[in-house]
């Protein structure tokens, strides 16, 4: 057959659009289910339905944020060793298609949150506003940039608690905040290691961070996350609520997982993206699965 008559290659833009939504990062939105699990509400079908809607709302809204960030940073990302392969930076997705996708995702996220409750809608809007502020300038403010990222995880927990009529535990909020700060500072350190001699070329705020300072921040946040979680498991109110005094047996999984993540970070095996790092390390996968299995067994 003549090459001129050969069937053209199907367009790859649909897959590129999916990549632009960063499906691997949707795992961050599982923080929404913290209230459902630790509040023992998984047998309440109406609450489960609302939790799933809240999860979907944050998936859509977070994906719209990723699209917006990539639209703003596409030229800078083109010079990054990893980010240059992203759909917009590489030219695989047009600006028009990305804009349409953003509109659908953002509108869909607000609609899904509205179906959950007015509180959930407010939390999703607050999440979007914080991320707009982050994209427009706050991402260049050292320390505050990581705190804004961490606040997104706390808002997810709140959406899965007060957003669906579950009273949140202060311990869970503290655990979520300290763990999110830990992951945020780990992300900055990994980016700094990958950035080379001119970190500001890849992310402006990186020029304000130093490896030594980040190591201290990571250590502090890791210690806070571990201590907070351990205190949560031995709190008499926690034990009474869950009907077991054995929650402390899950602490070794938490400690090992955090220490393993730090080890991979210093070994240069981390890309600074928790979902991808988890998927690439069998030990972390086993640790997370072991924690989930033990926690489910204890709570159920």
C-alpha atoms as a PDB file:
ATOM      1  CA  UNK A   1       0.000   0.000   0.000  1.00  0.00           C
ATOM      2  CA  UNK A   2       1.219   3.452  -0.839  1.00  0.00           C
ATOM      3  CA  UNK A   3       2.339   5.503   2.179  1.00  0.00           C
ATOM      4  CA  UNK A   4      -0.004   8.252   1.007  1.00  0.00           C
ATOM      5  CA  UNK A   5      -2.958   5.887   1.403  1.00  0.00           C
ATOM      6  CA  UNK A   6      -1.926   4.567   4.808  1.00  0.00           C
ATOM      7  CA  UNK A   7      -4.422   5.074   7.609  1.00  0.00           C
ATOM      8  CA  UNK A   8      -3.487   8.143   9.657  1.00  0.00           C
ATOM      9  CA  UNK A   9      -2.404   7.701  13.256  1.00  0.00           C
ATOM     10  CA  UNK A  10      -5.299   8.394  15.658  1.00  0.00           C
ATOM     11  CA  UNK A  11      -4.934  11.610  17.590  1.00  0.00           C
ATOM     12  CA  UNK A  12      -3.391  11.167  21.037  1.00  0.00           C
ATOM     13  CA  UNK A  13      -4.917  14.297  22.537  1.00  0.00           C
ATOM     14  CA  UNK A  14      -7.542  12.425  24.646  1.00  0.00           C
ATOM     15  CA  UNK A  15      -4.769  10.608  26.502  1.00  0.00           C
ATOM     16  CA  UNK A  16      -2.850  13.860  26.803  1.00  0.00           C
ATOM     17  CA  UNK A  17      -5.936  15.532  28.288  1.00  0.00           C
ATOM     18  CA  UNK A  18      -6.209  12.742  30.830  1.00  0.00           C
ATOM     19  CA  UNK A  19      -2.535  13.185  31.677  1.00  0.00           C
ATOM     20  CA  UNK A  20      -3.144  16.912  32.118  1.00  0.00           C
ATOM     21  CA  UNK A  21      -5.648  16.039  34.856  1.00  0.00           C
ATOM     22  CA  UNK A  22      -2.900  14.069  36.678  1.00  0.00           C
ATOM     23  CA  UNK A  23      -4.929  10.990  37.657  1.00  0.00           C
ATOM     24  CA  UNK A  24      -2.104   9.622  39.807  1.00  0.00           C
ATOM     25  CA  UNK A  25      -2.528  12.644  42.072  1.00  0.00           C
ATOM     26  CA  UNK A  26      -6.192  11.851  42.657  1.00  0.00           C
ATOM     27  CA  UNK A  27      -5.014   9.655  45.533  1.00  0.00           C
ATOM     28  CA  UNK A  28      -4.530  12.878  47.544  1.00  0.00           C
ATOM     29  CA  UNK A  29      -8.299  13.255  47.611  1.00  0.00           C
ATOM     30  CA  UNK A  30      -8.681  10.064  49.673  1.00  0.00           C
ATOM     31  CA  UNK A  31      -8.146  12.352  52.676  1.00  0.00           C
ATOM     32  CA  UNK A  32     -11.867  13.056  52.204  1.00  0.00           C
ATOM     33  CA  UNK A  33     -12.627   9.573  53.533  1.00  0.00           C
ATOM     34  CA  UNK A  34     -10.851  10.099  56.875  1.00  0.00           C
ATOM     35  CA  UNK A  35     -14.083  11.111  58.589  1.00  0.00           C
ATOM     36  CA  UNK A  36     -15.994   8.193  57.088  1.00  0.00           C
ATOM     37  CA  UNK A  37     -13.447   5.674  58.376  1.00  0.00           C
ATOM     38  CA  UNK A  38     -12.452   7.127  61.731  1.00  0.00           C
ATOM     39  CA  UNK A  39     -16.022   8.239  62.427  1.00  0.00           C
ATOM     40  CA  UNK A  40     -17.360   4.674  61.939  1.00  0.00           C
ATOM     41  CA  UNK A  41     -19.889   5.863  59.379  1.00  0.00           C
ATOM     42  CA  UNK A  42     -19.091   3.443  56.547  1.00  0.00           C
ATOM     43  CA  UNK A  43     -22.366   1.535  57.121  1.00  0.00           C
ATOM     44  CA  UNK A  44     -24.468   4.684  56.636  1.00  0.00           C
ATOM     45  CA  UNK A  45     -25.221   4.578  52.904  1.00  0.00           C
ATOM     46  CA  UNK A  46     -26.310   8.217  52.719  1.00  0.00           C
ATOM     47  CA  UNK A  47     -23.077   9.361  54.378  1.00  0.00           C
ATOM     48  CA  UNK A  48     -21.063   7.111  52.073  1.00  0.00           C
ATOM     49  CA  UNK A  49     -22.822   8.623  49.064  1.00  0.00           C
ATOM     50  CA  UNK A  50     -22.016  12.123  50.244  1.00  0.00           C
ATOM     51  CA  UNK A  51     -18.393  11.168  50.910  1.00  0.00           C
ATOM     52  CA  UNK A  52     -18.064   9.776  47.386  1.00  0.00           C
ATOM     53  CA  UNK A  53     -19.571  12.955  45.933  1.00  0.00           C
ATOM     54  CA  UNK A  54     -17.170  15.064  48.011  1.00  0.00           C
ATOM     55  CA  UNK A  55     -14.283  12.935  46.753  1.00  0.00           C
ATOM     56  CA  UNK A  56     -15.426  13.415  43.147  1.00  0.00           C
ATOM     57  CA  UNK A  57     -15.814  17.167  43.744  1.00  0.00           C
ATOM     58  CA  UNK A  58     -12.217  17.453  44.917  1.00  0.00           C
ATOM     59  CA  UNK A  59     -10.988  15.242  42.067  1.00  0.00           C
ATOM     60  CA  UNK A  60     -12.589  17.577  39.541  1.00  0.00           C
ATOM     61  CA  UNK A  61     -11.583  20.790  41.321  1.00  0.00           C
ATOM     62  CA  UNK A  62      -8.011  19.664  41.989  1.00  0.00           C
ATOM     63  CA  UNK A  63      -7.665  18.595  38.357  1.00  0.00           C
ATOM     64  CA  UNK A  64      -8.886  22.026  37.259  1.00  0.00           C
ATOM     65  CA  UNK A  65      -6.179  23.533  39.458  1.00  0.00           C
ATOM     66  CA  UNK A  66      -3.539  21.320  37.811  1.00  0.00           C
ATOM     67  CA  UNK A  67      -4.741  22.434  34.377  1.00  0.00           C
ATOM     68  CA  UNK A  68      -4.643  26.097  35.420  1.00  0.00           C
ATOM     69  CA  UNK A  69      -1.146  25.731  36.882  1.00  0.00           C
ATOM     70  CA  UNK A  70       0.127  24.078  33.717  1.00  0.00           C
ATOM     71  CA  UNK A  71      -1.415  26.825  31.605  1.00  0.00           C
ATOM     72  CA  UNK A  72       0.369  29.505  33.625  1.00  0.00           C
ATOM     73  CA  UNK A  73       3.678  27.627  33.925  1.00  0.00           C
ATOM     74  CA  UNK A  74       3.867  26.028  30.478  1.00  0.00           C
ATOM     75  CA  UNK A  75       6.867  28.082  29.310  1.00  0.00           C
ATOM     76  CA  UNK A  76       8.817  27.531  32.536  1.00  0.00           C
ATOM     77  CA  UNK A  77       7.920  23.829  32.542  1.00  0.00           C
ATOM     78  CA  UNK A  78       9.394  23.501  29.042  1.00  0.00           C
ATOM     79  CA  UNK A  79      12.870  23.990  30.592  1.00  0.00           C
ATOM     80  CA  UNK A  80      12.349  21.527  33.455  1.00  0.00           C
ATOM     81  CA  UNK A  81      13.950  18.042  33.083  1.00  0.00           C
ATOM     82  CA  UNK A  82      10.714  16.284  34.112  1.00  0.00           C
ATOM     83  CA  UNK A  83       7.919  18.818  33.585  1.00  0.00           C
ATOM     84  CA  UNK A  84       8.870  19.458  29.949  1.00  0.00           C
ATOM     85  CA  UNK A  85       7.044  16.230  29.107  1.00  0.00           C
ATOM     86  CA  UNK A  86       3.740  17.556  30.452  1.00  0.00           C
ATOM     87  CA  UNK A  87       0.998  17.901  27.798  1.00  0.00           C
ATOM     88  CA  UNK A  88       0.970  21.709  27.607  1.00  0.00           C
ATOM     89  CA  UNK A  89       4.735  22.190  27.906  1.00  0.00           C
ATOM     90  CA  UNK A  90       5.331  19.622  25.165  1.00  0.00           C
ATOM     91  CA  UNK A  91       2.570  20.952  22.911  1.00  0.00           C
ATOM     92  CA  UNK A  92       0.519  17.741  23.026  1.00  0.00           C
ATOM     93  CA  UNK A  93      -2.548  19.722  24.163  1.00  0.00           C
ATOM     94  CA  UNK A  94      -3.637  23.024  22.663  1.00  0.00           C
ATOM     95  CA  UNK A  95      -4.424  26.055  24.793  1.00  0.00           C
ATOM     96  CA  UNK A  96      -8.044  26.004  23.647  1.00  0.00           C
ATOM     97  CA  UNK A  97      -8.542  22.367  24.613  1.00  0.00           C
ATOM     98  CA  UNK A  98      -6.913  22.956  27.997  1.00  0.00           C
ATOM     99  CA  UNK A  99      -9.142  25.974  28.643  1.00  0.00           C
ATOM    100  CA  UNK A 100     -12.281  24.006  27.812  1.00  0.00           C
ATOM    101  CA  UNK A 101     -11.164  21.156  30.048  1.00  0.00           C
ATOM    102  CA  UNK A 102     -10.538  23.578  32.915  1.00  0.00           C
ATOM    103  CA  UNK A 103     -14.034  25.054  32.588  1.00  0.00           C
ATOM    104  CA  UNK A 104     -15.692  21.620  32.608  1.00  0.00           C
ATOM    105  CA  UNK A 105     -13.674  20.396  35.572  1.00  0.00           C
ATOM    106  CA  UNK A 106     -14.132  23.507  37.683  1.00  0.00           C
ATOM    107  CA  UNK A 107     -17.853  23.760  36.969  1.00  0.00           C
ATOM    108  CA  UNK A 108     -18.299  20.047  37.592  1.00  0.00           C
ATOM    109  CA  UNK A 109     -16.434  20.232  40.888  1.00  0.00           C
ATOM    110  CA  UNK A 110     -18.648  23.051  42.165  1.00  0.00           C
ATOM    111  CA  UNK A 111     -21.805  21.228  41.086  1.00  0.00           C
ATOM    112  CA  UNK A 112     -20.781  18.002  42.826  1.00  0.00           C
ATOM    113  CA  UNK A 113     -19.905  19.888  46.010  1.00  0.00           C
ATOM    114  CA  UNK A 114     -23.294  21.625  45.882  1.00  0.00           C
ATOM    115  CA  UNK A 115     -24.944  18.182  45.813  1.00  0.00           C
ATOM    116  CA  UNK A 116     -23.150  17.290  49.052  1.00  0.00           C
ATOM    117  CA  UNK A 117     -23.918  20.342  51.209  1.00  0.00           C
ATOM    118  CA  UNK A 118     -23.482  24.119  51.366  1.00  0.00           C
ATOM    119  CA  UNK A 119     -20.529  23.573  53.721  1.00  0.00           C
ATOM    120  CA  UNK A 120     -18.817  21.266  51.244  1.00  0.00           C
ATOM    121  CA  UNK A 121     -19.374  23.826  48.483  1.00  0.00           C
ATOM    122  CA  UNK A 122     -17.780  26.571  50.612  1.00  0.00           C
ATOM    123  CA  UNK A 123     -14.775  24.338  51.357  1.00  0.00           C
ATOM    124  CA  UNK A 124     -14.289  23.509  47.670  1.00  0.00           C
ATOM    125  CA  UNK A 125     -14.531  27.194  46.744  1.00  0.00           C
ATOM    126  CA  UNK A 126     -12.015  28.054  49.480  1.00  0.00           C
ATOM    127  CA  UNK A 127      -9.695  25.361  48.105  1.00  0.00           C
ATOM    128  CA  UNK A 128      -9.984  26.885  44.621  1.00  0.00           C
ATOM    129  CA  UNK A 129      -9.409  30.439  45.902  1.00  0.00           C
ATOM    130  CA  UNK A 130      -6.295  29.401  47.820  1.00  0.00           C
ATOM    131  CA  UNK A 131      -4.915  27.700  44.741  1.00  0.00           C
ATOM    132  CA  UNK A 132      -5.629  30.721  42.548  1.00  0.00           C
ATOM    133  CA  UNK A 133      -3.748  32.881  45.045  1.00  0.00           C
ATOM    134  CA  UNK A 134      -0.962  30.298  45.031  1.00  0.00           C
ATOM    135  CA  UNK A 135      -0.735  30.299  41.240  1.00  0.00           C
ATOM    136  CA  UNK A 136      -0.829  34.084  40.947  1.00  0.00           C
ATOM    137  CA  UNK A 137       1.947  34.806  43.415  1.00  0.00           C
ATOM    138  CA  UNK A 138       1.954  33.037  46.756  1.00  0.00           C
ATOM    139  CA  UNK A 139       3.886  30.115  45.284  1.00  0.00           C
ATOM    140  CA  UNK A 140       6.875  32.472  45.267  1.00  0.00           C
ATOM    141  CA  UNK A 141       6.670  33.111  49.043  1.00  0.00           C
ATOM    142  CA  UNK A 142       9.011  30.798  50.916  1.00  0.00           C
ATOM    143  CA  UNK A 143       7.328  28.581  53.556  1.00  0.00           C
ATOM    144  CA  UNK A 144       3.879  30.002  52.794  1.00  0.00           C
ATOM    145  CA  UNK A 145       3.890  28.072  49.520  1.00  0.00           C
ATOM    146  CA  UNK A 146       4.123  24.759  51.380  1.00  0.00           C
ATOM    147  CA  UNK A 147       1.555  25.807  53.988  1.00  0.00           C
ATOM    148  CA  UNK A 148      -0.955  26.577  51.225  1.00  0.00           C
ATOM    149  CA  UNK A 149      -0.377  23.136  49.721  1.00  0.00           C
ATOM    150  CA  UNK A 150      -0.851  21.558  53.151  1.00  0.00           C
ATOM    151  CA  UNK A 151      -4.047  23.533  53.744  1.00  0.00           C
ATOM    152  CA  UNK A 152      -5.537  21.773  50.734  1.00  0.00           C
ATOM    153  CA  UNK A 153      -5.261  18.450  52.562  1.00  0.00           C
ATOM    154  CA  UNK A 154      -6.903  19.894  55.680  1.00  0.00           C
ATOM    155  CA  UNK A 155      -9.770  21.230  53.552  1.00  0.00           C
ATOM    156  CA  UNK A 156     -10.230  17.754  52.115  1.00  0.00           C
ATOM    157  CA  UNK A 157     -10.485  16.314  55.630  1.00  0.00           C
ATOM    158  CA  UNK A 158     -12.977  19.023  56.611  1.00  0.00           C
ATOM    159  CA  UNK A 159     -15.057  18.311  53.504  1.00  0.00           C
ATOM    160  CA  UNK A 160     -15.189  14.654  54.531  1.00  0.00           C
ATOM    161  CA  UNK A 161     -16.205  15.519  58.092  1.00  0.00           C
ATOM    162  CA  UNK A 162     -18.127  18.766  58.651  1.00  0.00           C
ATOM    163  CA  UNK A 163     -19.053  18.736  54.956  1.00  0.00           C
ATOM    164  CA  UNK A 164     -21.002  15.506  55.422  1.00  0.00           C
ATOM    165  CA  UNK A 165     -22.177  16.106  59.005  1.00  0.00           C
ATOM    166  CA  UNK A 166     -19.392  14.263  60.847  1.00  0.00           C
ATOM    167  CA  UNK A 167     -17.691  15.938  63.786  1.00  0.00           C
ATOM    168  CA  UNK A 168     -13.941  16.041  63.026  1.00  0.00           C
ATOM    169  CA  UNK A 169     -11.402  14.903  65.578  1.00  0.00           C
ATOM    170  CA  UNK A 170      -8.768  17.566  66.356  1.00  0.00           C
ATOM    171  CA  UNK A 171      -6.193  14.776  66.282  1.00  0.00           C
ATOM    172  CA  UNK A 172      -7.094  13.836  62.719  1.00  0.00           C
ATOM    173  CA  UNK A 173      -6.826  17.472  61.629  1.00  0.00           C
ATOM    174  CA  UNK A 174      -3.407  17.801  63.284  1.00  0.00           C
ATOM    175  CA  UNK A 175      -2.201  14.521  61.782  1.00  0.00           C
ATOM    176  CA  UNK A 176      -3.370  15.611  58.349  1.00  0.00           C
ATOM    177  CA  UNK A 177      -1.707  19.012  58.636  1.00  0.00           C
ATOM    178  CA  UNK A 178       1.670  17.746  59.884  1.00  0.00           C
ATOM    179  CA  UNK A 179       1.769  14.912  57.345  1.00  0.00           C
ATOM    180  CA  UNK A 180       0.894  17.318  54.524  1.00  0.00           C
ATOM    181  CA  UNK A 181       3.630  19.744  55.631  1.00  0.00           C
ATOM    182  CA  UNK A 182       6.084  16.840  55.730  1.00  0.00           C
ATOM    183  CA  UNK A 183       5.207  15.812  52.169  1.00  0.00           C
ATOM    184  CA  UNK A 184       5.299  19.433  51.001  1.00  0.00           C
ATOM    185  CA  UNK A 185       8.807  20.072  52.292  1.00  0.00           C
ATOM    186  CA  UNK A 186       9.945  16.712  50.893  1.00  0.00           C
ATOM    187  CA  UNK A 187       8.587  17.835  47.523  1.00  0.00           C
ATOM    188  CA  UNK A 188      10.586  21.059  47.685  1.00  0.00           C
ATOM    189  CA  UNK A 189      13.779  19.188  48.590  1.00  0.00           C
ATOM    190  CA  UNK A 190      13.341  16.735  45.728  1.00  0.00           C
ATOM    191  CA  UNK A 191      12.742  19.616  43.316  1.00  0.00           C
ATOM    192  CA  UNK A 192      15.840  21.400  44.610  1.00  0.00           C
ATOM    193  CA  UNK A 193      17.928  18.283  43.997  1.00  0.00           C
ATOM    194  CA  UNK A 194      16.605  17.987  40.439  1.00  0.00           C
ATOM    195  CA  UNK A 195      16.898  21.684  39.605  1.00  0.00           C
ATOM    196  CA  UNK A 196      20.686  21.787  39.234  1.00  0.00           C
ATOM    197  CA  UNK A 197      22.686  25.010  39.389  1.00  0.00           C
ATOM    198  CA  UNK A 198      19.822  27.395  38.627  1.00  0.00           C
ATOM    199  CA  UNK A 199      16.777  26.292  40.691  1.00  0.00           C
ATOM    200  CA  UNK A 200      14.858  29.535  40.074  1.00  0.00           C
ATOM    201  CA  UNK A 201      14.679  28.612  36.384  1.00  0.00           C
ATOM    202  CA  UNK A 202      12.410  25.708  37.290  1.00  0.00           C
ATOM    203  CA  UNK A 203      10.526  27.196  40.270  1.00  0.00           C
ATOM    204  CA  UNK A 204      11.256  30.690  41.541  1.00  0.00           C
ATOM    205  CA  UNK A 205      10.789  29.894  45.220  1.00  0.00           C
ATOM    206  CA  UNK A 206      13.444  27.167  45.093  1.00  0.00           C
ATOM    207  CA  UNK A 207      16.173  29.811  45.090  1.00  0.00           C
ATOM    208  CA  UNK A 208      14.992  30.799  48.592  1.00  0.00           C
ATOM    209  CA  UNK A 209      15.259  27.294  50.015  1.00  0.00           C
ATOM    210  CA  UNK A 210      18.435  25.596  51.178  1.00  0.00           C
ATOM    211  CA  UNK A 211      18.887  21.845  51.504  1.00  0.00           C
ATOM    212  CA  UNK A 212      20.052  22.124  55.106  1.00  0.00           C
ATOM    213  CA  UNK A 213      16.986  24.141  56.112  1.00  0.00           C
ATOM    214  CA  UNK A 214      14.622  21.804  54.289  1.00  0.00           C
ATOM    215  CA  UNK A 215      16.147  18.786  56.052  1.00  0.00           C
ATOM    216  CA  UNK A 216      15.417  20.428  59.398  1.00  0.00           C
ATOM    217  CA  UNK A 217      11.853  21.289  58.398  1.00  0.00           C
ATOM    218  CA  UNK A 218      11.290  17.743  57.146  1.00  0.00           C
ATOM    219  CA  UNK A 219      12.610  16.306  60.400  1.00  0.00           C
ATOM    220  CA  UNK A 220      10.413  18.582  62.519  1.00  0.00           C
ATOM    221  CA  UNK A 221       7.263  17.835  60.518  1.00  0.00           C
ATOM    222  CA  UNK A 222       8.004  14.094  60.482  1.00  0.00           C
ATOM    223  CA  UNK A 223       8.428  14.086  64.269  1.00  0.00           C
ATOM    224  CA  UNK A 224       5.228  16.118  64.739  1.00  0.00           C
ATOM    225  CA  UNK A 225       3.262  13.775  62.470  1.00  0.00           C
ATOM    226  CA  UNK A 226       4.491  10.671  64.295  1.00  0.00           C
ATOM    227  CA  UNK A 227       3.971  12.104  67.789  1.00  0.00           C
ATOM    228  CA  UNK A 228       0.530  13.463  66.927  1.00  0.00           C
ATOM    229  CA  UNK A 229      -0.572  10.125  65.506  1.00  0.00           C
ATOM    230  CA  UNK A 230       0.761   8.185  68.499  1.00  0.00           C
ATOM    231  CA  UNK A 231      -1.005  10.537  70.920  1.00  0.00           C
ATOM    232  CA  UNK A 232      -4.196  10.081  68.924  1.00  0.00           C
ATOM    233  CA  UNK A 233      -4.021   6.292  69.228  1.00  0.00           C
ATOM    234  CA  UNK A 234      -3.517   6.329  73.030  1.00  0.00           C
ATOM    235  CA  UNK A 235      -6.064   9.047  73.785  1.00  0.00           C
ATOM    236  CA  UNK A 236      -8.756   7.492  76.044  1.00  0.00           C
ATOM    237  CA  UNK A 237     -11.470   9.268  74.022  1.00  0.00           C
ATOM    238  CA  UNK A 238     -10.109   7.730  70.824  1.00  0.00           C
ATOM    239  CA  UNK A 239     -10.000   4.269  72.346  1.00  0.00           C
ATOM    240  CA  UNK A 240     -13.541   4.647  73.671  1.00  0.00           C
ATOM    241  CA  UNK A 241     -14.830   5.883  70.310  1.00  0.00           C
ATOM    242  CA  UNK A 242     -13.268   2.981  68.412  1.00  0.00           C
ATOM    243  CA  UNK A 243     -13.877   0.348  71.081  1.00  0.00           C
ATOM    244  CA  UNK A 244     -10.270  -0.850  71.098  1.00  0.00           C
ATOM    245  CA  UNK A 245      -7.046  -0.099  72.913  1.00  0.00           C
ATOM    246  CA  UNK A 246      -4.898  -1.602  70.179  1.00  0.00           C
ATOM    247  CA  UNK A 247      -4.751   1.330  67.743  1.00  0.00           C
ATOM    248  CA  UNK A 248      -1.173   1.920  68.903  1.00  0.00           C
ATOM    249  CA  UNK A 249      -0.235  -1.270  67.015  1.00  0.00           C
ATOM    250  CA  UNK A 250      -0.646   0.677  63.767  1.00  0.00           C
ATOM    251  CA  UNK A 251       2.019   3.224  64.764  1.00  0.00           C
ATOM    252  CA  UNK A 252       4.997   1.133  63.523  1.00  0.00           C
ATOM    253  CA  UNK A 253       3.552   1.243  60.001  1.00  0.00           C
ATOM    254  CA  UNK A 254       3.277   5.042  60.178  1.00  0.00           C
ATOM    255  CA  UNK A 255       6.803   5.439  61.565  1.00  0.00           C
ATOM    256  CA  UNK A 256       8.337   3.055  59.047  1.00  0.00           C
ATOM    257  CA  UNK A 257       6.507   4.651  56.130  1.00  0.00           C
ATOM    258  CA  UNK A 258       7.715   8.149  57.035  1.00  0.00           C
ATOM    259  CA  UNK A 259      11.293   7.016  57.619  1.00  0.00           C
ATOM    260  CA  UNK A 260      11.287   5.035  54.374  1.00  0.00           C
ATOM    261  CA  UNK A 261      10.085   8.113  52.495  1.00  0.00           C
ATOM    262  CA  UNK A 262      12.906  10.195  53.992  1.00  0.00           C
ATOM    263  CA  UNK A 263      15.427   7.493  53.073  1.00  0.00           C
ATOM    264  CA  UNK A 264      14.281   7.463  49.453  1.00  0.00           C
ATOM    265  CA  UNK A 265      14.393  11.254  49.369  1.00  0.00           C
ATOM    266  CA  UNK A 266      18.029  11.383  50.492  1.00  0.00           C
ATOM    267  CA  UNK A 267      18.927   8.500  48.190  1.00  0.00           C
ATOM    268  CA  UNK A 268      17.707  10.527  45.225  1.00  0.00           C
ATOM    269  CA  UNK A 269      14.937   8.033  44.462  1.00  0.00           C
ATOM    270  CA  UNK A 270      12.094  10.473  45.175  1.00  0.00           C
ATOM    271  CA  UNK A 271      10.602  12.792  42.561  1.00  0.00           C
ATOM    272  CA  UNK A 272       8.796  14.800  45.226  1.00  0.00           C
ATOM    273  CA  UNK A 273       5.375  13.458  44.231  1.00  0.00           C
ATOM    274  CA  UNK A 274       3.966  11.194  46.922  1.00  0.00           C
ATOM    275  CA  UNK A 275       1.623   9.154  44.713  1.00  0.00           C
ATOM    276  CA  UNK A 276       4.341   8.291  42.187  1.00  0.00           C
ATOM    277  CA  UNK A 277       6.921   7.631  44.901  1.00  0.00           C
ATOM    278  CA  UNK A 278       4.520   5.251  46.597  1.00  0.00           C
ATOM    279  CA  UNK A 279       3.785   3.372  43.377  1.00  0.00           C
ATOM    280  CA  UNK A 280       7.499   2.961  42.611  1.00  0.00           C
ATOM    281  CA  UNK A 281       8.564   1.556  45.979  1.00  0.00           C
ATOM    282  CA  UNK A 282       7.363  -1.949  46.944  1.00  0.00           C
ATOM    283  CA  UNK A 283       8.242  -1.382  50.594  1.00  0.00           C
ATOM    284  CA  UNK A 284       6.035   1.690  50.794  1.00  0.00           C
ATOM    285  CA  UNK A 285       3.217  -0.175  49.041  1.00  0.00           C
ATOM    286  CA  UNK A 286       3.427  -3.043  51.540  1.00  0.00           C
ATOM    287  CA  UNK A 287       3.587  -0.577  54.437  1.00  0.00           C
ATOM    288  CA  UNK A 288       0.464   1.283  53.331  1.00  0.00           C
ATOM    289  CA  UNK A 289      -1.453  -1.924  52.617  1.00  0.00           C
ATOM    290  CA  UNK A 290      -0.393  -3.364  55.973  1.00  0.00           C
ATOM    291  CA  UNK A 291      -1.542  -0.223  57.765  1.00  0.00           C
ATOM    292  CA  UNK A 292      -4.898  -0.194  55.972  1.00  0.00           C
ATOM    293  CA  UNK A 293      -5.494  -3.906  56.602  1.00  0.00           C
ATOM    294  CA  UNK A 294      -4.679  -3.649  60.312  1.00  0.00           C
ATOM    295  CA  UNK A 295      -6.715  -0.472  60.781  1.00  0.00           C
ATOM    296  CA  UNK A 296      -9.738  -1.951  59.024  1.00  0.00           C
ATOM    297  CA  UNK A 297      -9.480  -5.088  61.155  1.00  0.00           C
ATOM    298  CA  UNK A 298      -9.260  -3.059  64.386  1.00  0.00           C
ATOM    299  CA  UNK A 299     -12.084  -0.682  63.523  1.00  0.00           C
ATOM    300  CA  UNK A 300     -14.413  -3.288  62.061  1.00  0.00           C
END
